[in-house]
Amino acid sequence: MATPTVRNLTIAAGDAGTRQTLSEMAALIRAGSLTPAVRDVAVTVAGEQSDPVRQLAALRYWLAAKWQFVRDPSSGELLHDTAWLLRDLRERGVIAGDCDDAAILGGALAASIGFRVALVVIALRGSGTDEYSHVWASASPPEPCTMADGRQLWIELDITRPMQRIPLDRVARAEAQLVC
């Protein structure tokens, strides 16, 4: 089993820091998706479902049931790898982390069973700043699934927002990065 790690990043200000964080998160998702422990969890949680949308719903439900939201310290950006997050679950029965951590584990779980994964970051209007403030992983079936309106199906794996749906008029700006 991999040695659990935490990366304490000193990041640049503004968009450069956000992109640095997204790059680190993407690397943790890709590495985590290749570990047997992550794949075992994903297969156990989603394996009974044959429909890809139901598999992703099962992963999202599982994450939500196991998650305890805890902010990073104000002194830096902490990114926990999947081994750390799963060890937390084994030892405490819940996983403690923030939106970065939920995106890392959710993205790794989905990628480990063949889904495409992207990271989405947003800045909210009325927050007093135009800085990006929230991130989540979205997943899509390996074979692109096109909806009736022509858009590809992407399912959010965000389980850290209290109200789950952010109205589009509250989003000041957004950016997505394909991970795998």
N, C-alpha and C. Protein backbone atom coordinates (compact mmCIF):
# COMPACT_ATOMS: atom_id res chain seq x y z
N MET A 1 0.84 -1.17 0.00
CA MET A 1 0.00 0.00 0.00
C MET A 1 0.89 1.24 0.00
N ALA A 2 0.48 2.27 -0.72
CA ALA A 2 1.24 3.50 -0.82
C ALA A 2 1.28 4.21 0.53
N THR A 3 2.38 4.91 0.77
CA THR A 3 2.49 5.71 1.98
C THR A 3 1.65 6.96 1.81
N PRO A 4 0.70 7.20 2.73
CA PRO A 4 -0.15 8.38 2.61
C PRO A 4 0.67 9.67 2.70
N THR A 5 0.31 10.65 1.88
CA THR A 5 1.02 11.92 1.91
C THR A 5 0.04 13.08 1.87
N VAL A 6 0.54 14.19 2.39
CA VAL A 6 -0.17 15.46 2.32
C VAL A 6 0.79 16.45 1.69
N ARG A 7 0.31 17.18 0.71
CA ARG A 7 1.13 18.22 0.10
C ARG A 7 0.66 19.56 0.66
N ASN A 8 1.58 20.28 1.29
CA ASN A 8 1.29 21.61 1.80
C ASN A 8 1.89 22.59 0.81
N LEU A 9 1.05 23.16 -0.03
CA LEU A 9 1.53 24.02 -1.10
C LEU A 9 1.61 25.48 -0.68
N THR A 10 2.67 26.11 -1.07
CA THR A 10 2.74 27.55 -1.03
C THR A 10 2.46 27.98 -2.46
N ILE A 11 1.32 28.58 -2.66
CA ILE A 11 0.89 28.85 -4.02
C ILE A 11 0.95 30.34 -4.35
N ALA A 12 1.10 30.59 -5.62
CA ALA A 12 1.09 31.97 -6.10
C ALA A 12 -0.30 32.55 -5.92
N ALA A 13 -0.38 33.85 -5.95
CA ALA A 13 -1.68 34.51 -5.82
C ALA A 13 -2.45 34.43 -7.13
N GLY A 14 -3.76 34.54 -7.04
CA GLY A 14 -4.62 34.67 -8.22
C GLY A 14 -4.70 33.42 -9.07
N ASP A 15 -4.94 33.64 -10.37
CA ASP A 15 -5.15 32.54 -11.30
C ASP A 15 -3.94 31.61 -11.42
N ALA A 16 -2.74 32.16 -11.28
CA ALA A 16 -1.54 31.32 -11.37
C ALA A 16 -1.54 30.29 -10.24
N GLY A 17 -1.93 30.70 -9.04
CA GLY A 17 -2.00 29.77 -7.92
C GLY A 17 -3.08 28.73 -8.10
N THR A 18 -4.21 29.16 -8.66
CA THR A 18 -5.30 28.21 -8.93
C THR A 18 -4.84 27.16 -9.93
N ARG A 19 -4.17 27.58 -10.98
CA ARG A 19 -3.70 26.62 -11.99
C ARG A 19 -2.64 25.68 -11.42
N GLN A 20 -1.80 26.19 -10.53
CA GLN A 20 -0.80 25.35 -9.87
C GLN A 20 -1.51 24.29 -9.02
N THR A 21 -2.51 24.71 -8.27
CA THR A 21 -3.27 23.78 -7.44
C THR A 21 -3.97 22.73 -8.30
N LEU A 22 -4.61 23.17 -9.39
CA LEU A 22 -5.30 22.22 -10.28
C LEU A 22 -4.32 21.21 -10.87
N SER A 23 -3.14 21.65 -11.21
CA SER A 23 -2.13 20.74 -11.76
C SER A 23 -1.73 19.69 -10.73
N GLU A 24 -1.52 20.11 -9.49
CA GLU A 24 -1.19 19.16 -8.41
C GLU A 24 -2.35 18.19 -8.17
N MET A 25 -3.58 18.71 -8.17
CA MET A 25 -4.75 17.86 -7.97
C MET A 25 -4.88 16.83 -9.08
N ALA A 26 -4.66 17.27 -10.32
CA ALA A 26 -4.76 16.35 -11.46
C ALA A 26 -3.74 15.22 -11.33
N ALA A 27 -2.53 15.54 -10.89
CA ALA A 27 -1.51 14.50 -10.70
C ALA A 27 -1.94 13.52 -9.61
N LEU A 28 -2.53 14.02 -8.53
CA LEU A 28 -3.00 13.14 -7.46
C LEU A 28 -4.16 12.26 -7.92
N ILE A 29 -5.04 12.80 -8.76
CA ILE A 29 -6.15 12.01 -9.30
C ILE A 29 -5.62 10.90 -10.19
N ARG A 30 -4.72 11.24 -11.11
CA ARG A 30 -4.17 10.22 -12.01
C ARG A 30 -3.44 9.13 -11.24
N ALA A 31 -2.60 9.52 -10.27
CA ALA A 31 -1.87 8.53 -9.48
C ALA A 31 -2.83 7.67 -8.65
N GLY A 32 -3.79 8.31 -8.01
CA GLY A 32 -4.75 7.58 -7.19
C GLY A 32 -5.59 6.60 -7.97
N SER A 33 -5.93 6.98 -9.20
CA SER A 33 -6.79 6.12 -10.02
C SER A 33 -6.11 4.81 -10.38
N LEU A 34 -4.80 4.75 -10.26
CA LEU A 34 -4.05 3.55 -10.60
C LEU A 34 -3.74 2.67 -9.40
N THR A 35 -4.21 3.05 -8.22
CA THR A 35 -3.92 2.25 -7.02
C THR A 35 -5.02 1.21 -6.78
N PRO A 36 -4.61 0.02 -6.36
CA PRO A 36 -5.60 -1.04 -6.10
C PRO A 36 -6.64 -0.64 -5.05
N ALA A 37 -6.25 0.10 -4.01
CA ALA A 37 -7.20 0.45 -2.95
C ALA A 37 -8.33 1.33 -3.49
N VAL A 38 -7.99 2.28 -4.34
CA VAL A 38 -9.01 3.17 -4.92
C VAL A 38 -9.92 2.37 -5.84
N ARG A 39 -9.32 1.56 -6.70
CA ARG A 39 -10.14 0.75 -7.62
C ARG A 39 -11.05 -0.21 -6.85
N ASP A 40 -10.53 -0.82 -5.78
CA ASP A 40 -11.36 -1.73 -4.97
C ASP A 40 -12.59 -1.01 -4.42
N VAL A 41 -12.40 0.21 -3.90
CA VAL A 41 -13.54 0.97 -3.38
C VAL A 41 -14.52 1.27 -4.52
N ALA A 42 -14.01 1.75 -5.65
CA ALA A 42 -14.89 2.11 -6.77
C ALA A 42 -15.68 0.91 -7.27
N VAL A 43 -15.01 -0.23 -7.40
CA VAL A 43 -15.70 -1.44 -7.88
C VAL A 43 -16.75 -1.89 -6.86
N THR A 44 -16.42 -1.82 -5.59
CA THR A 44 -17.38 -2.21 -4.54
C THR A 44 -18.59 -1.29 -4.55
N VAL A 45 -18.35 0.02 -4.66
CA VAL A 45 -19.44 1.00 -4.58
C VAL A 45 -20.28 1.02 -5.85
N ALA A 46 -19.64 1.02 -7.00
CA ALA A 46 -20.36 1.20 -8.26
C ALA A 46 -20.57 -0.08 -9.05
N GLY A 47 -19.90 -1.15 -8.64
CA GLY A 47 -19.88 -2.37 -9.43
C GLY A 47 -21.20 -3.06 -9.64
N GLU A 48 -22.15 -2.84 -8.73
CA GLU A 48 -23.45 -3.51 -8.89
C GLU A 48 -24.32 -2.83 -9.93
N GLN A 49 -23.94 -1.64 -10.33
CA GLN A 49 -24.71 -0.89 -11.33
C GLN A 49 -24.13 -1.15 -12.72
N SER A 50 -24.97 -1.38 -13.69
CA SER A 50 -24.47 -1.58 -15.05
C SER A 50 -24.52 -0.29 -15.87
N ASP A 51 -25.39 0.63 -15.49
CA ASP A 51 -25.54 1.89 -16.20
C ASP A 51 -24.49 2.89 -15.70
N PRO A 52 -23.71 3.54 -16.60
CA PRO A 52 -22.67 4.47 -16.17
C PRO A 52 -23.19 5.63 -15.31
N VAL A 53 -24.36 6.15 -15.62
CA VAL A 53 -24.91 7.25 -14.82
C VAL A 53 -25.20 6.77 -13.41
N ARG A 54 -25.71 5.58 -13.26
CA ARG A 54 -25.98 5.03 -11.93
C ARG A 54 -24.69 4.70 -11.19
N GLN A 55 -23.66 4.30 -11.92
CA GLN A 55 -22.37 4.07 -11.28
C GLN A 55 -21.84 5.37 -10.68
N LEU A 56 -21.91 6.45 -11.45
CA LEU A 56 -21.45 7.75 -10.94
C LEU A 56 -22.31 8.23 -9.78
N ALA A 57 -23.61 8.01 -9.87
CA ALA A 57 -24.51 8.39 -8.77
C ALA A 57 -24.14 7.60 -7.51
N ALA A 58 -23.82 6.33 -7.65
CA ALA A 58 -23.43 5.52 -6.50
C ALA A 58 -22.14 6.04 -5.88
N LEU A 59 -21.16 6.40 -6.72
CA LEU A 59 -19.91 6.97 -6.20
C LEU A 59 -20.17 8.27 -5.46
N ARG A 60 -21.00 9.13 -6.03
CA ARG A 60 -21.30 10.43 -5.42
C ARG A 60 -22.02 10.23 -4.08
N TYR A 61 -22.99 9.34 -4.05
CA TYR A 61 -23.74 9.06 -2.83
C TYR A 61 -22.80 8.53 -1.74
N TRP A 62 -21.91 7.61 -2.12
CA TRP A 62 -20.96 7.04 -1.17
C TRP A 62 -20.06 8.14 -0.60
N LEU A 63 -19.52 8.99 -1.48
CA LEU A 63 -18.67 10.09 -1.01
C LEU A 63 -19.41 10.98 -0.03
N ALA A 64 -20.64 11.35 -0.38
CA ALA A 64 -21.43 12.24 0.49
C ALA A 64 -21.66 11.61 1.86
N ALA A 65 -21.89 10.30 1.88
CA ALA A 65 -22.16 9.62 3.14
C ALA A 65 -20.92 9.50 4.01
N LYS A 66 -19.75 9.52 3.41
CA LYS A 66 -18.50 9.31 4.14
C LYS A 66 -17.77 10.61 4.46
N TRP A 67 -18.24 11.76 3.96
CA TRP A 67 -17.46 13.00 4.01
C TRP A 67 -17.78 13.87 5.20
N GLN A 68 -16.74 14.45 5.79
CA GLN A 68 -16.86 15.46 6.83
C GLN A 68 -16.05 16.66 6.34
N PHE A 69 -16.73 17.78 6.09
CA PHE A 69 -16.04 18.96 5.56
C PHE A 69 -15.20 19.62 6.65
N VAL A 70 -13.91 19.81 6.35
CA VAL A 70 -12.98 20.49 7.24
C VAL A 70 -12.12 21.41 6.38
N ARG A 71 -12.05 22.68 6.76
CA ARG A 71 -11.26 23.65 6.00
C ARG A 71 -9.76 23.42 6.19
N ASP A 72 -8.99 23.87 5.19
CA ASP A 72 -7.53 23.89 5.31
C ASP A 72 -7.13 24.96 6.32
N PRO A 73 -5.93 24.85 6.88
CA PRO A 73 -5.45 25.94 7.72
C PRO A 73 -5.28 27.21 6.88
N SER A 74 -5.38 28.35 7.50
CA SER A 74 -5.28 29.59 6.75
C SER A 74 -3.88 29.84 6.20
N SER A 75 -2.91 29.08 6.66
CA SER A 75 -1.52 29.30 6.25
C SER A 75 -1.14 28.64 4.94
N GLY A 76 -2.01 27.83 4.35
CA GLY A 76 -1.60 27.18 3.11
C GLY A 76 -2.69 26.32 2.51
N GLU A 77 -2.36 25.70 1.41
CA GLU A 77 -3.26 24.81 0.69
C GLU A 77 -2.79 23.39 0.92
N LEU A 78 -3.61 22.57 1.59
CA LEU A 78 -3.29 21.18 1.82
C LEU A 78 -4.01 20.31 0.78
N LEU A 79 -3.27 19.43 0.16
CA LEU A 79 -3.86 18.45 -0.76
C LEU A 79 -3.49 17.07 -0.25
N HIS A 80 -4.50 16.26 0.06
CA HIS A 80 -4.29 14.91 0.57
C HIS A 80 -4.39 13.92 -0.59
N ASP A 81 -3.47 12.96 -0.62
CA ASP A 81 -3.56 11.95 -1.66
C ASP A 81 -4.63 10.91 -1.28
N THR A 82 -4.94 10.05 -2.22
CA THR A 82 -6.02 9.09 -1.99
C THR A 82 -5.69 8.09 -0.88
N ALA A 83 -4.42 7.73 -0.73
CA ALA A 83 -4.03 6.81 0.35
C ALA A 83 -4.33 7.45 1.71
N TRP A 84 -4.04 8.74 1.83
CA TRP A 84 -4.33 9.47 3.08
C TRP A 84 -5.83 9.48 3.36
N LEU A 85 -6.60 9.82 2.33
CA LEU A 85 -8.05 9.94 2.50
C LEU A 85 -8.69 8.60 2.84
N LEU A 86 -8.26 7.52 2.19
CA LEU A 86 -8.82 6.21 2.50
C LEU A 86 -8.35 5.70 3.86
N ARG A 87 -7.14 6.06 4.27
CA ARG A 87 -6.67 5.70 5.62
C ARG A 87 -7.53 6.41 6.67
N ASP A 88 -7.86 7.68 6.39
CA ASP A 88 -8.73 8.44 7.28
C ASP A 88 -10.07 7.70 7.45
N LEU A 89 -10.62 7.19 6.37
CA LEU A 89 -11.88 6.45 6.42
C LEU A 89 -11.73 5.18 7.26
N ARG A 90 -10.67 4.43 7.03
CA ARG A 90 -10.45 3.18 7.79
C ARG A 90 -10.30 3.47 9.29
N GLU A 91 -9.56 4.52 9.62
CA GLU A 91 -9.25 4.77 11.02
C GLU A 91 -10.36 5.50 11.78
N ARG A 92 -11.09 6.39 11.10
CA ARG A 92 -12.08 7.21 11.79
C ARG A 92 -13.52 6.95 11.35
N GLY A 93 -13.69 6.24 10.26
CA GLY A 93 -15.04 5.97 9.78
C GLY A 93 -15.61 7.06 8.89
N VAL A 94 -14.91 8.18 8.78
CA VAL A 94 -15.27 9.28 7.88
C VAL A 94 -14.00 9.83 7.25
N ILE A 95 -14.19 10.57 6.19
CA ILE A 95 -13.07 11.23 5.52
C ILE A 95 -13.21 12.73 5.78
N ALA A 96 -12.17 13.32 6.34
CA ALA A 96 -12.19 14.75 6.63
C ALA A 96 -11.36 15.49 5.59
N GLY A 97 -11.97 16.50 4.97
CA GLY A 97 -11.24 17.29 3.99
C GLY A 97 -12.11 18.39 3.43
N ASP A 98 -11.54 19.15 2.52
CA ASP A 98 -12.27 20.25 1.90
C ASP A 98 -12.61 19.89 0.45
N CYS A 99 -13.01 20.88 -0.32
CA CYS A 99 -13.45 20.61 -1.69
C CYS A 99 -12.33 20.05 -2.57
N ASP A 100 -11.08 20.48 -2.32
CA ASP A 100 -9.96 19.94 -3.09
C ASP A 100 -9.84 18.43 -2.88
N ASP A 101 -9.92 18.04 -1.62
CA ASP A 101 -9.77 16.62 -1.28
C ASP A 101 -10.92 15.79 -1.83
N ALA A 102 -12.14 16.31 -1.74
CA ALA A 102 -13.30 15.58 -2.29
C ALA A 102 -13.15 15.42 -3.80
N ALA A 103 -12.64 16.45 -4.47
CA ALA A 103 -12.43 16.36 -5.92
C ALA A 103 -11.35 15.33 -6.26
N ILE A 104 -10.30 15.30 -5.45
CA ILE A 104 -9.21 14.33 -5.70
C ILE A 104 -9.73 12.91 -5.55
N LEU A 105 -10.40 12.61 -4.45
CA LEU A 105 -10.87 11.24 -4.23
C LEU A 105 -11.99 10.88 -5.21
N GLY A 106 -12.96 11.77 -5.40
CA GLY A 106 -14.04 11.50 -6.35
C GLY A 106 -13.52 11.28 -7.76
N GLY A 107 -12.59 12.13 -8.18
CA GLY A 107 -12.02 11.99 -9.51
C GLY A 107 -11.24 10.70 -9.68
N ALA A 108 -10.46 10.34 -8.65
CA ALA A 108 -9.68 9.10 -8.71
C ALA A 108 -10.58 7.87 -8.73
N LEU A 109 -11.64 7.88 -7.93
CA LEU A 109 -12.58 6.75 -7.94
C LEU A 109 -13.19 6.57 -9.32
N ALA A 110 -13.68 7.67 -9.91
CA ALA A 110 -14.30 7.59 -11.23
C ALA A 110 -13.30 7.15 -12.30
N ALA A 111 -12.11 7.73 -12.28
CA ALA A 111 -11.10 7.39 -13.29
C ALA A 111 -10.65 5.94 -13.16
N SER A 112 -10.65 5.41 -11.93
CA SER A 112 -10.18 4.04 -11.73
C SER A 112 -11.08 3.00 -12.38
N ILE A 113 -12.33 3.38 -12.68
CA ILE A 113 -13.23 2.44 -13.36
C ILE A 113 -13.61 2.95 -14.76
N GLY A 114 -12.70 3.75 -15.33
CA GLY A 114 -12.80 4.08 -16.74
C GLY A 114 -13.50 5.36 -17.13
N PHE A 115 -13.93 6.16 -16.19
CA PHE A 115 -14.60 7.42 -16.55
C PHE A 115 -13.59 8.50 -16.88
N ARG A 116 -13.97 9.41 -17.75
CA ARG A 116 -13.18 10.61 -18.01
C ARG A 116 -13.45 11.58 -16.87
N VAL A 117 -12.44 12.32 -16.46
CA VAL A 117 -12.57 13.22 -15.31
C VAL A 117 -12.05 14.60 -15.68
N ALA A 118 -12.77 15.61 -15.22
CA ALA A 118 -12.34 17.00 -15.36
C ALA A 118 -12.47 17.68 -14.00
N LEU A 119 -11.65 18.68 -13.79
CA LEU A 119 -11.77 19.53 -12.60
C LEU A 119 -12.42 20.83 -13.02
N VAL A 120 -13.38 21.29 -12.24
CA VAL A 120 -14.10 22.54 -12.51
C VAL A 120 -13.86 23.47 -11.33
N VAL A 121 -13.47 24.69 -11.62
CA VAL A 121 -13.23 25.68 -10.58
C VAL A 121 -14.08 26.92 -10.88
N ILE A 122 -14.65 27.51 -9.82
CA ILE A 122 -15.53 28.67 -10.02
C ILE A 122 -15.19 29.79 -9.04
N ALA A 123 -15.53 31.00 -9.46
CA ALA A 123 -15.53 32.19 -8.60
C ALA A 123 -16.98 32.63 -8.47
N LEU A 124 -17.37 33.03 -7.28
CA LEU A 124 -18.76 33.42 -7.03
C LEU A 124 -18.92 34.93 -6.97
N ARG A 125 -20.01 35.41 -7.57
CA ARG A 125 -20.37 36.83 -7.44
C ARG A 125 -20.74 37.11 -6.00
N GLY A 126 -20.47 38.33 -5.56
CA GLY A 126 -20.87 38.73 -4.22
C GLY A 126 -19.96 38.22 -3.13
N SER A 127 -18.85 37.58 -3.49
CA SER A 127 -17.94 37.07 -2.47
C SER A 127 -16.90 38.11 -2.07
N GLY A 128 -16.94 39.28 -2.71
CA GLY A 128 -15.98 40.33 -2.40
C GLY A 128 -14.69 40.21 -3.18
N THR A 129 -14.56 39.17 -3.98
CA THR A 129 -13.36 38.97 -4.77
C THR A 129 -13.74 38.20 -6.03
N ASP A 130 -12.92 38.29 -7.05
CA ASP A 130 -13.18 37.49 -8.25
C ASP A 130 -12.26 36.27 -8.30
N GLU A 131 -11.65 35.94 -7.15
CA GLU A 131 -10.76 34.79 -7.07
C GLU A 131 -11.58 33.49 -7.12
N TYR A 132 -10.99 32.47 -7.71
CA TYR A 132 -11.63 31.16 -7.69
C TYR A 132 -11.72 30.68 -6.24
N SER A 133 -12.87 30.10 -5.87
CA SER A 133 -13.06 29.73 -4.47
C SER A 133 -13.61 28.32 -4.26
N HIS A 134 -13.96 27.62 -5.33
CA HIS A 134 -14.53 26.29 -5.16
C HIS A 134 -14.15 25.42 -6.34
N VAL A 135 -13.89 24.14 -6.07
CA VAL A 135 -13.51 23.19 -7.11
C VAL A 135 -14.23 21.87 -6.88
N TRP A 136 -14.49 21.17 -7.97
CA TRP A 136 -15.05 19.82 -7.87
C TRP A 136 -14.60 19.02 -9.09
N ALA A 137 -14.75 17.72 -8.97
CA ALA A 137 -14.51 16.82 -10.11
C ALA A 137 -15.84 16.53 -10.78
N SER A 138 -15.81 16.46 -12.08
CA SER A 138 -16.95 15.99 -12.87
C SER A 138 -16.48 14.79 -13.66
N ALA A 139 -17.38 13.86 -13.91
CA ALA A 139 -17.01 12.65 -14.63
C ALA A 139 -17.99 12.39 -15.77
N SER A 140 -17.48 11.75 -16.80
CA SER A 140 -18.26 11.44 -17.98
C SER A 140 -17.94 10.01 -18.41
N PRO A 141 -18.93 9.31 -18.95
CA PRO A 141 -18.67 7.94 -19.41
C PRO A 141 -17.51 7.92 -20.42
N PRO A 142 -16.80 6.79 -20.48
CA PRO A 142 -15.65 6.69 -21.40
C PRO A 142 -16.04 6.92 -22.85
N GLU A 143 -17.21 6.47 -23.22
CA GLU A 143 -17.74 6.76 -24.55
C GLU A 143 -18.60 8.00 -24.41
N PRO A 144 -18.29 9.08 -25.12
CA PRO A 144 -19.07 10.31 -24.96
C PRO A 144 -20.57 10.05 -25.10
N CYS A 145 -21.31 10.59 -24.15
CA CYS A 145 -22.76 10.47 -24.12
C CYS A 145 -23.33 11.85 -24.44
N THR A 146 -23.98 11.98 -25.57
CA THR A 146 -24.52 13.27 -25.98
C THR A 146 -25.99 13.36 -25.60
N MET A 147 -26.34 14.46 -24.93
CA MET A 147 -27.72 14.67 -24.52
C MET A 147 -28.52 15.25 -25.68
N ALA A 148 -29.83 15.38 -25.49
CA ALA A 148 -30.73 15.85 -26.55
C ALA A 148 -30.35 17.23 -27.06
N ASP A 149 -29.80 18.09 -26.19
CA ASP A 149 -29.43 19.44 -26.62
C ASP A 149 -28.04 19.51 -27.24
N GLY A 150 -27.38 18.35 -27.42
CA GLY A 150 -26.08 18.31 -28.07
C GLY A 150 -24.89 18.39 -27.13
N ARG A 151 -25.13 18.69 -25.87
CA ARG A 151 -24.02 18.75 -24.90
C ARG A 151 -23.63 17.35 -24.44
N GLN A 152 -22.36 17.20 -24.09
CA GLN A 152 -21.92 15.93 -23.53
C GLN A 152 -22.33 15.84 -22.06
N LEU A 153 -22.66 14.64 -21.62
CA LEU A 153 -23.06 14.41 -20.24
C LEU A 153 -21.83 14.40 -19.33
N TRP A 154 -21.84 15.29 -18.34
CA TRP A 154 -20.84 15.33 -17.27
C TRP A 154 -21.60 15.37 -15.96
N ILE A 155 -21.23 14.53 -15.03
CA ILE A 155 -21.91 14.47 -13.74
C ILE A 155 -20.97 15.00 -12.67
N GLU A 156 -21.46 15.99 -11.91
CA GLU A 156 -20.67 16.57 -10.82
C GLU A 156 -20.54 15.58 -9.69
N LEU A 157 -19.34 15.50 -9.15
CA LEU A 157 -19.11 14.68 -7.97
C LEU A 157 -18.89 15.57 -6.74
N ASP A 158 -19.43 16.78 -6.79
CA ASP A 158 -19.26 17.74 -5.70
C ASP A 158 -20.18 17.39 -4.53
N ILE A 159 -19.58 17.10 -3.39
CA ILE A 159 -20.37 16.74 -2.21
C ILE A 159 -20.10 17.69 -1.05
N THR A 160 -19.40 18.79 -1.30
CA THR A 160 -19.01 19.68 -0.20
C THR A 160 -19.84 20.95 -0.12
N ARG A 161 -20.62 21.27 -1.14
CA ARG A 161 -21.46 22.47 -1.08
C ARG A 161 -22.72 22.17 -0.28
N PRO A 162 -23.07 23.04 0.67
CA PRO A 162 -24.26 22.74 1.48
C PRO A 162 -25.55 22.70 0.67
N MET A 163 -25.69 23.54 -0.34
CA MET A 163 -26.95 23.59 -1.09
C MET A 163 -26.86 22.86 -2.43
N GLN A 164 -25.74 22.31 -2.77
CA GLN A 164 -25.49 21.47 -3.93
C GLN A 164 -25.65 22.14 -5.29
N ARG A 165 -26.57 22.99 -5.49
CA ARG A 165 -26.72 23.63 -6.80
C ARG A 165 -26.44 25.12 -6.66
N ILE A 166 -25.44 25.59 -7.36
CA ILE A 166 -25.12 27.01 -7.36
C ILE A 166 -25.82 27.62 -8.56
N PRO A 167 -26.72 28.59 -8.34
CA PRO A 167 -27.39 29.22 -9.49
C PRO A 167 -26.36 29.87 -10.42
N LEU A 168 -26.59 29.71 -11.72
CA LEU A 168 -25.63 30.24 -12.69
C LEU A 168 -25.39 31.73 -12.53
N ASP A 169 -26.41 32.49 -12.09
CA ASP A 169 -26.21 33.93 -11.94
C ASP A 169 -25.27 34.27 -10.77
N ARG A 170 -24.94 33.30 -9.92
CA ARG A 170 -23.97 33.51 -8.84
C ARG A 170 -22.54 33.23 -9.28
N VAL A 171 -22.37 32.57 -10.43
CA VAL A 171 -21.03 32.22 -10.89
C VAL A 171 -20.46 33.40 -11.68
N ALA A 172 -19.39 33.97 -11.16
CA ALA A 172 -18.74 35.10 -11.84
C ALA A 172 -17.89 34.59 -13.01
N ARG A 173 -17.20 33.49 -12.79
CA ARG A 173 -16.42 32.87 -13.86
C ARG A 173 -16.12 31.43 -13.48
N ALA A 174 -15.82 30.63 -14.50
CA ALA A 174 -15.55 29.20 -14.29
C ALA A 174 -14.51 28.75 -15.29
N GLU A 175 -13.83 27.69 -14.93
CA GLU A 175 -12.80 27.12 -15.79
C GLU A 175 -12.81 25.61 -15.56
N ALA A 176 -12.57 24.84 -16.60
CA ALA A 176 -12.51 23.38 -16.47
C ALA A 176 -11.20 22.89 -17.07
N GLN A 177 -10.66 21.84 -16.47
CA GLN A 177 -9.42 21.23 -16.95
C GLN A 177 -9.64 19.73 -17.03
N LEU A 178 -9.46 19.15 -18.21
CA LEU A 178 -9.56 17.71 -18.38
C LEU A 178 -8.37 17.05 -17.70
N VAL A 179 -8.64 16.05 -16.87
CA VAL A 179 -7.60 15.36 -16.12
C VAL A 179 -7.20 14.07 -16.81
N CYS A 180 -8.19 13.27 -17.14
CA CYS A 180 -7.93 11.98 -17.80
C CYS A 180 -9.20 11.48 -18.46
